[in-house]
Amino acid sequence: MDEMVHLTYIKDDPELYIKERPFSILAELPEGFPETNITYELGPLQVITDIRGWQNEFNLEEHGFAFRTWQPPAVVWDDEEDIDESYVPAVKELVREMIGEDVVRIELFDWRLRNSQSRMVIDDPNSESSPQMVKIAPARVVHVDQSPAGVFDRMHRYLGEEADVLARKYRIRLINVWKPMVDVVEDMPLALCDARVATEQDLVEVDFVLEDYNRRTYMAKYTDRFKFYYMSRMTKDEVIMFKVFDSADVAAKYVPHAAFSHTHIPPSTKPRESIEVRLLVMTEE
């Protein structure tokens, strides 16, 4: 069913951001050094339209996102090697089938696990297990995972000088493939904005400063043009694919999104657990 909720946005503060870039430091700081200069605010009540039953009307090229039924190979979710060697290749193949014959190369950007009861906002470098395996909290601020500059920063980080060659030669898309790890998502589903109504003027580039690199992300300002959708009670056999970036001159370039809480949450509700895999997809067109 449709929901009416308040989503969280970055506060529109142009005077501040003219003086200094918005930042959030996710690393150890000297005493007294500010962690962030960003202020967030709740938007007005918004409709999040439930598309369960007509989800096939949405597609990656027109709306920026698509829902699919998909049964991946059996994966042990607490085994990092199994995720790398079994799940990620299956996701690559799913995206290759979705995009079509024009795909010439797919590179893993990253993957991460989430749990709605977690308080971690980034991978924990001090964790006794692999930082990659730490389940972080769902992101409740409306955002786009990477800004265009952030995408190319990461391409250079992973691919070196080859990144420039690939960017000149191919259409580059960064696609997030999001899937529940639990049987049914009972709370904290993902709300996705129709990419056709999101413009660069609605977004603020934010620096997330980590120990070893600076991650550039887009945070969204509230606008009544945004139209959000979700699919109720997603199962572990369903996935969302949505655009983070598209180098082509198309209307649907990126999808602002955020997790949200249902209006009524039964006491028996189980935590949401999910995995997202982000892939750089290179095509001829």
Protein backbone atom coordinates (compact mmCIF):
# COMPACT_ATOMS: atom_id res chain seq x y z
CA MET A 1 0.00 0.00 0.00
CA ASP A 2 1.04 3.60 -0.53
CA GLU A 3 2.74 5.39 2.36
CA MET A 4 2.76 9.01 3.54
CA VAL A 5 6.10 9.79 5.18
CA HIS A 6 8.59 12.55 5.89
CA LEU A 7 11.85 11.91 4.05
CA THR A 8 15.13 13.49 5.12
CA TYR A 9 16.98 15.97 2.88
CA ILE A 10 20.05 18.15 3.03
CA LYS A 11 19.06 21.67 4.08
CA ASP A 12 19.28 24.15 1.25
CA ASP A 13 21.93 26.57 2.55
CA PRO A 14 23.57 28.21 -0.49
CA GLU A 15 25.29 30.95 1.52
CA LEU A 16 27.22 28.38 3.56
CA TYR A 17 28.09 26.17 0.61
CA ILE A 18 29.43 29.14 -1.37
CA LYS A 19 31.96 29.67 1.43
CA GLU A 20 32.91 26.03 1.96
CA ARG A 21 32.06 22.67 0.46
CA PRO A 22 29.66 20.53 2.46
CA PHE A 23 31.60 17.77 4.17
CA SER A 24 31.28 14.89 6.59
CA ILE A 25 34.47 13.41 8.04
CA LEU A 26 34.26 9.67 8.71
CA ALA A 27 37.72 9.32 10.21
CA GLU A 28 39.50 10.11 13.47
CA LEU A 29 39.74 13.84 14.12
CA PRO A 30 41.71 16.09 16.46
CA GLU A 31 39.68 17.24 19.45
CA GLY A 32 37.47 20.19 18.64
CA PHE A 33 37.53 19.68 14.86
CA PRO A 34 33.99 19.64 13.40
CA GLU A 35 32.84 16.33 11.93
CA THR A 36 30.49 18.00 9.47
CA ASN A 37 29.05 21.32 8.33
CA ILE A 38 25.91 19.71 6.91
CA THR A 39 22.42 20.27 8.26
CA TYR A 40 19.61 17.88 7.39
CA GLU A 41 15.88 18.51 7.59
CA LEU A 42 12.63 16.60 7.20
CA GLY A 43 10.64 17.35 4.11
CA PRO A 44 6.84 17.67 4.17
CA LEU A 45 4.67 14.58 4.00
CA GLN A 46 5.16 12.83 0.67
CA VAL A 47 3.41 9.96 -1.02
CA ILE A 48 5.60 6.90 -1.60
CA THR A 49 3.63 4.98 -4.23
CA ASP A 50 3.54 1.20 -3.90
CA ILE A 51 4.09 -0.32 -7.34
CA ARG A 52 3.56 -3.94 -6.28
CA GLY A 53 1.55 -5.53 -9.09
CA TRP A 54 2.57 -3.05 -11.79
CA GLN A 55 6.32 -2.90 -11.20
CA ASN A 56 7.04 -4.15 -14.73
CA GLU A 57 5.91 -0.79 -16.11
CA PHE A 58 9.17 0.76 -14.89
CA ASN A 59 12.46 0.37 -16.73
CA LEU A 60 16.08 1.39 -16.38
CA GLU A 61 16.27 3.63 -19.44
CA GLU A 62 13.07 5.63 -18.94
CA HIS A 63 12.68 5.82 -15.16
CA GLY A 64 16.20 4.98 -13.99
CA PHE A 65 15.15 1.86 -12.11
CA ALA A 66 13.65 -1.57 -12.69
CA PHE A 67 12.38 -4.44 -10.54
CA ARG A 68 13.01 -8.05 -11.44
CA THR A 69 12.25 -11.50 -10.07
CA TRP A 70 15.54 -13.36 -9.81
CA GLN A 71 16.85 -16.41 -8.04
CA PRO A 72 20.61 -16.13 -7.55
CA PRO A 73 22.81 -19.08 -6.62
CA ALA A 74 22.76 -20.14 -2.98
CA VAL A 75 25.09 -17.83 -1.06
CA VAL A 76 26.43 -17.91 2.50
CA TRP A 77 25.95 -14.26 3.43
CA ASP A 78 28.51 -14.29 6.23
CA ASP A 79 31.20 -15.65 3.88
CA GLU A 80 32.99 -12.83 2.06
CA GLU A 81 34.68 -15.20 -0.38
CA ASP A 82 31.36 -16.78 -1.32
CA ILE A 83 29.85 -13.36 -2.02
CA ASP A 84 32.84 -12.41 -4.18
CA GLU A 85 33.06 -15.68 -6.09
CA SER A 86 29.40 -16.73 -6.35
CA TYR A 87 27.08 -13.78 -5.90
CA VAL A 88 28.94 -10.94 -7.62
CA PRO A 89 29.48 -12.89 -10.90
CA ALA A 90 25.78 -13.79 -10.91
CA VAL A 91 24.85 -10.13 -10.49
CA LYS A 92 27.15 -9.19 -13.36
CA GLU A 93 25.42 -11.72 -15.57
CA LEU A 94 21.99 -10.41 -14.53
CA VAL A 95 22.98 -6.86 -15.49
CA ARG A 96 24.52 -8.05 -18.74
CA GLU A 97 21.23 -9.74 -19.66
CA MET A 98 19.28 -6.64 -18.64
CA ILE A 99 21.38 -4.17 -20.66
CA GLY A 100 21.80 -6.38 -23.73
CA GLU A 101 24.36 -7.16 -26.39
CA ASP A 102 26.03 -3.74 -26.32
CA VAL A 103 27.81 -4.50 -23.03
CA VAL A 104 31.55 -4.74 -23.61
CA ARG A 105 32.78 -4.74 -20.02
CA ILE A 106 31.48 -4.82 -16.46
CA GLU A 107 33.69 -3.98 -13.48
CA LEU A 108 32.82 -4.33 -9.81
CA PHE A 109 32.64 -0.91 -8.15
CA ASP A 110 31.89 -2.22 -4.66
CA TRP A 111 29.34 -4.13 -2.58
CA ARG A 112 28.01 -3.73 0.92
CA LEU A 113 25.66 -5.30 3.44
CA ARG A 114 23.02 -3.47 5.45
CA ASN A 115 20.95 -4.19 8.55
CA SER A 116 18.18 -1.88 9.74
CA GLN A 117 19.25 -2.29 13.38
CA SER A 118 22.88 -1.36 12.72
CA ARG A 119 24.26 1.98 13.89
CA MET A 120 27.31 1.84 11.63
CA VAL A 121 27.29 4.34 8.77
CA ILE A 122 30.49 3.13 7.07
CA ASP A 123 32.53 -0.04 7.00
CA ASP A 124 34.27 -0.43 10.37
CA PRO A 125 38.07 -0.57 9.94
CA ASN A 126 38.42 -1.69 13.58
CA SER A 127 36.12 -4.66 13.18
CA GLU A 128 37.54 -8.05 14.13
CA SER A 129 36.03 -9.41 10.91
CA SER A 130 36.59 -7.99 7.44
CA PRO A 131 35.41 -4.35 7.22
CA GLN A 132 33.50 -5.37 4.09
CA MET A 133 31.39 -7.77 6.16
CA VAL A 134 30.18 -5.18 8.67
CA LYS A 135 26.48 -4.56 8.11
CA ILE A 136 25.88 -0.83 7.99
CA ALA A 137 22.65 1.07 8.59
CA PRO A 138 20.25 1.89 5.75
CA ALA A 139 20.73 5.41 4.39
CA ARG A 140 17.71 7.50 5.35
CA VAL A 141 18.80 10.75 3.67
CA VAL A 142 17.68 11.17 0.07
CA HIS A 143 20.87 10.84 -1.95
CA VAL A 144 22.66 9.55 -5.04
CA ASP A 145 25.49 7.16 -4.16
CA GLN A 146 28.15 8.99 -6.18
CA SER A 147 28.37 12.31 -7.98
CA PRO A 148 29.77 12.18 -11.54
CA ALA A 149 33.12 13.41 -10.23
CA GLY A 150 32.95 10.75 -7.53
CA VAL A 151 32.41 8.04 -10.14
CA PHE A 152 35.48 9.09 -12.13
CA ASP A 153 37.54 9.45 -8.95
CA ARG A 154 36.78 5.83 -8.14
CA MET A 155 37.42 4.73 -11.71
CA HIS A 156 40.89 6.24 -11.53
CA ARG A 157 41.41 4.66 -8.12
CA TYR A 158 40.60 1.18 -9.43
CA LEU A 159 41.61 1.35 -13.11
CA GLY A 160 44.38 3.95 -13.20
CA GLU A 161 45.13 5.64 -16.52
CA GLU A 162 42.86 3.18 -18.31
CA ALA A 163 39.88 5.02 -16.80
CA ASP A 164 40.35 7.99 -19.15
CA VAL A 165 40.54 5.73 -22.19
CA LEU A 166 37.37 3.89 -21.20
CA ALA A 167 35.49 7.12 -20.45
CA ARG A 168 36.28 8.49 -23.92
CA LYS A 169 35.45 5.28 -25.72
CA TYR A 170 32.32 3.95 -24.01
CA ARG A 171 29.06 4.93 -22.42
CA ILE A 172 29.64 4.50 -18.68
CA ARG A 173 26.84 3.57 -16.30
CA LEU A 174 27.09 2.90 -12.58
CA ILE A 175 24.25 0.57 -11.63
CA ASN A 176 23.25 -0.47 -8.12
CA VAL A 177 21.69 -3.93 -7.77
CA TRP A 178 19.82 -4.08 -4.45
CA LYS A 179 18.41 -7.30 -3.01
CA PRO A 180 16.90 -8.39 0.31
CA MET A 181 18.81 -11.04 2.24
CA VAL A 182 15.75 -11.80 4.37
CA ASP A 183 12.64 -13.68 3.23
CA VAL A 184 10.47 -10.54 3.22
CA VAL A 185 11.24 -6.85 3.78
CA GLU A 186 8.80 -5.84 6.52
CA ASP A 187 10.22 -2.37 7.21
CA MET A 188 12.78 0.12 5.90
CA PRO A 189 12.15 -0.50 2.17
CA LEU A 190 13.88 1.57 -0.47
CA ALA A 191 12.09 4.60 -1.93
CA LEU A 192 13.23 5.47 -5.46
CA CYS A 193 12.65 8.76 -7.24
CA ASP A 194 11.67 8.79 -10.90
CA ALA A 195 14.96 9.87 -12.49
CA ARG A 196 13.20 12.00 -15.11
CA VAL A 197 12.23 14.63 -12.54
CA ALA A 198 15.61 14.85 -10.78
CA THR A 199 17.97 17.57 -11.99
CA GLU A 200 21.47 18.62 -11.01
CA GLN A 201 19.98 21.75 -9.41
CA ASP A 202 18.18 19.50 -6.90
CA LEU A 203 21.46 17.96 -5.72
CA VAL A 204 24.40 19.12 -3.61
CA GLU A 205 27.80 17.47 -3.95
CA VAL A 206 29.09 16.40 -0.54
CA ASP A 207 32.58 15.24 0.45
CA PHE A 208 32.63 12.18 2.68
CA VAL A 209 36.21 12.13 3.96
CA LEU A 210 37.48 8.69 4.93
CA GLU A 211 40.89 7.62 6.19
CA ASP A 212 42.21 6.72 2.75
CA TYR A 213 40.14 8.67 0.24
CA ASN A 214 37.49 11.33 -0.34
CA ARG A 215 34.12 10.01 -1.54
CA ARG A 216 31.97 12.51 -3.44
CA THR A 217 28.24 11.95 -3.16
CA TYR A 218 25.08 13.84 -4.09
CA MET A 219 22.59 14.78 -1.37
CA ALA A 220 19.14 15.89 -2.47
CA LYS A 221 17.34 19.10 -1.52
CA TYR A 222 13.58 18.88 -1.16
CA THR A 223 11.48 19.69 -4.21
CA ASP A 224 7.82 18.95 -4.81
CA ARG A 225 8.75 17.64 -8.27
CA PHE A 226 10.19 14.44 -6.80
CA LYS A 227 8.00 11.36 -7.26
CA PHE A 228 8.90 8.36 -5.12
CA TYR A 229 8.03 4.69 -5.55
CA TYR A 230 8.67 1.47 -3.66
CA MET A 231 7.61 -2.16 -3.86
CA SER A 232 5.97 -3.50 -0.72
CA ARG A 233 7.14 -6.71 0.95
CA MET A 234 10.03 -7.37 -1.38
CA THR A 235 11.34 -10.92 -1.12
CA LYS A 236 14.78 -12.46 -1.38
CA ASP A 237 13.86 -13.50 -4.95
CA GLU A 238 13.36 -9.91 -6.10
CA VAL A 239 15.90 -7.22 -6.97
CA ILE A 240 15.99 -3.54 -7.81
CA MET A 241 18.41 -2.22 -10.41
CA PHE A 242 18.84 1.54 -10.47
CA LYS A 243 21.16 4.10 -11.99
CA VAL A 244 23.73 5.98 -9.94
CA PHE A 245 25.36 7.57 -12.99
CA ASP A 246 25.02 7.60 -16.77
CA SER A 247 27.49 9.37 -19.06
CA ALA A 248 25.00 9.43 -21.95
CA ASP A 249 22.82 12.45 -22.72
CA VAL A 250 19.61 10.89 -21.43
CA ALA A 251 16.79 12.10 -19.17
CA ALA A 252 17.21 9.32 -16.60
CA LYS A 253 20.78 9.81 -15.36
CA TYR A 254 20.56 9.05 -11.63
CA VAL A 255 18.00 7.98 -9.04
CA PRO A 256 17.75 9.82 -5.71
CA HIS A 257 16.70 7.28 -3.10
CA ALA A 258 16.41 6.63 0.63
CA ALA A 259 15.22 4.02 3.09
CA PHE A 260 12.08 4.88 5.06
CA SER A 261 10.05 3.48 7.94
CA HIS A 262 6.50 2.29 7.45
CA THR A 263 3.79 4.27 9.22
CA HIS A 264 2.64 1.21 11.17
CA ILE A 265 5.27 -1.30 12.27
CA PRO A 266 4.04 -4.45 14.06
CA PRO A 267 6.06 -5.49 17.14
CA SER A 268 6.98 -8.75 15.42
CA THR A 269 8.66 -6.95 12.51
CA LYS A 270 12.05 -8.42 11.65
CA PRO A 271 15.08 -6.27 10.78
CA ARG A 272 15.71 -5.58 7.14
CA GLU A 273 18.92 -7.07 5.79
CA SER A 274 20.05 -6.38 2.25
CA ILE A 275 23.01 -6.48 -0.09
CA GLU A 276 23.80 -3.99 -2.80
CA VAL A 277 26.32 -4.47 -5.59
CA ARG A 278 27.44 -1.51 -7.66
CA LEU A 279 28.78 -2.20 -11.12
CA LEU A 280 30.47 -0.06 -13.75
CA VAL A 281 28.84 -1.02 -17.03
CA MET A 282 30.50 -0.04 -20.29
CA THR A 283 28.62 -0.20 -23.58
CA GLU A 284 29.24 0.82 -27.18
CA GLU A 285 26.37 3.29 -27.32
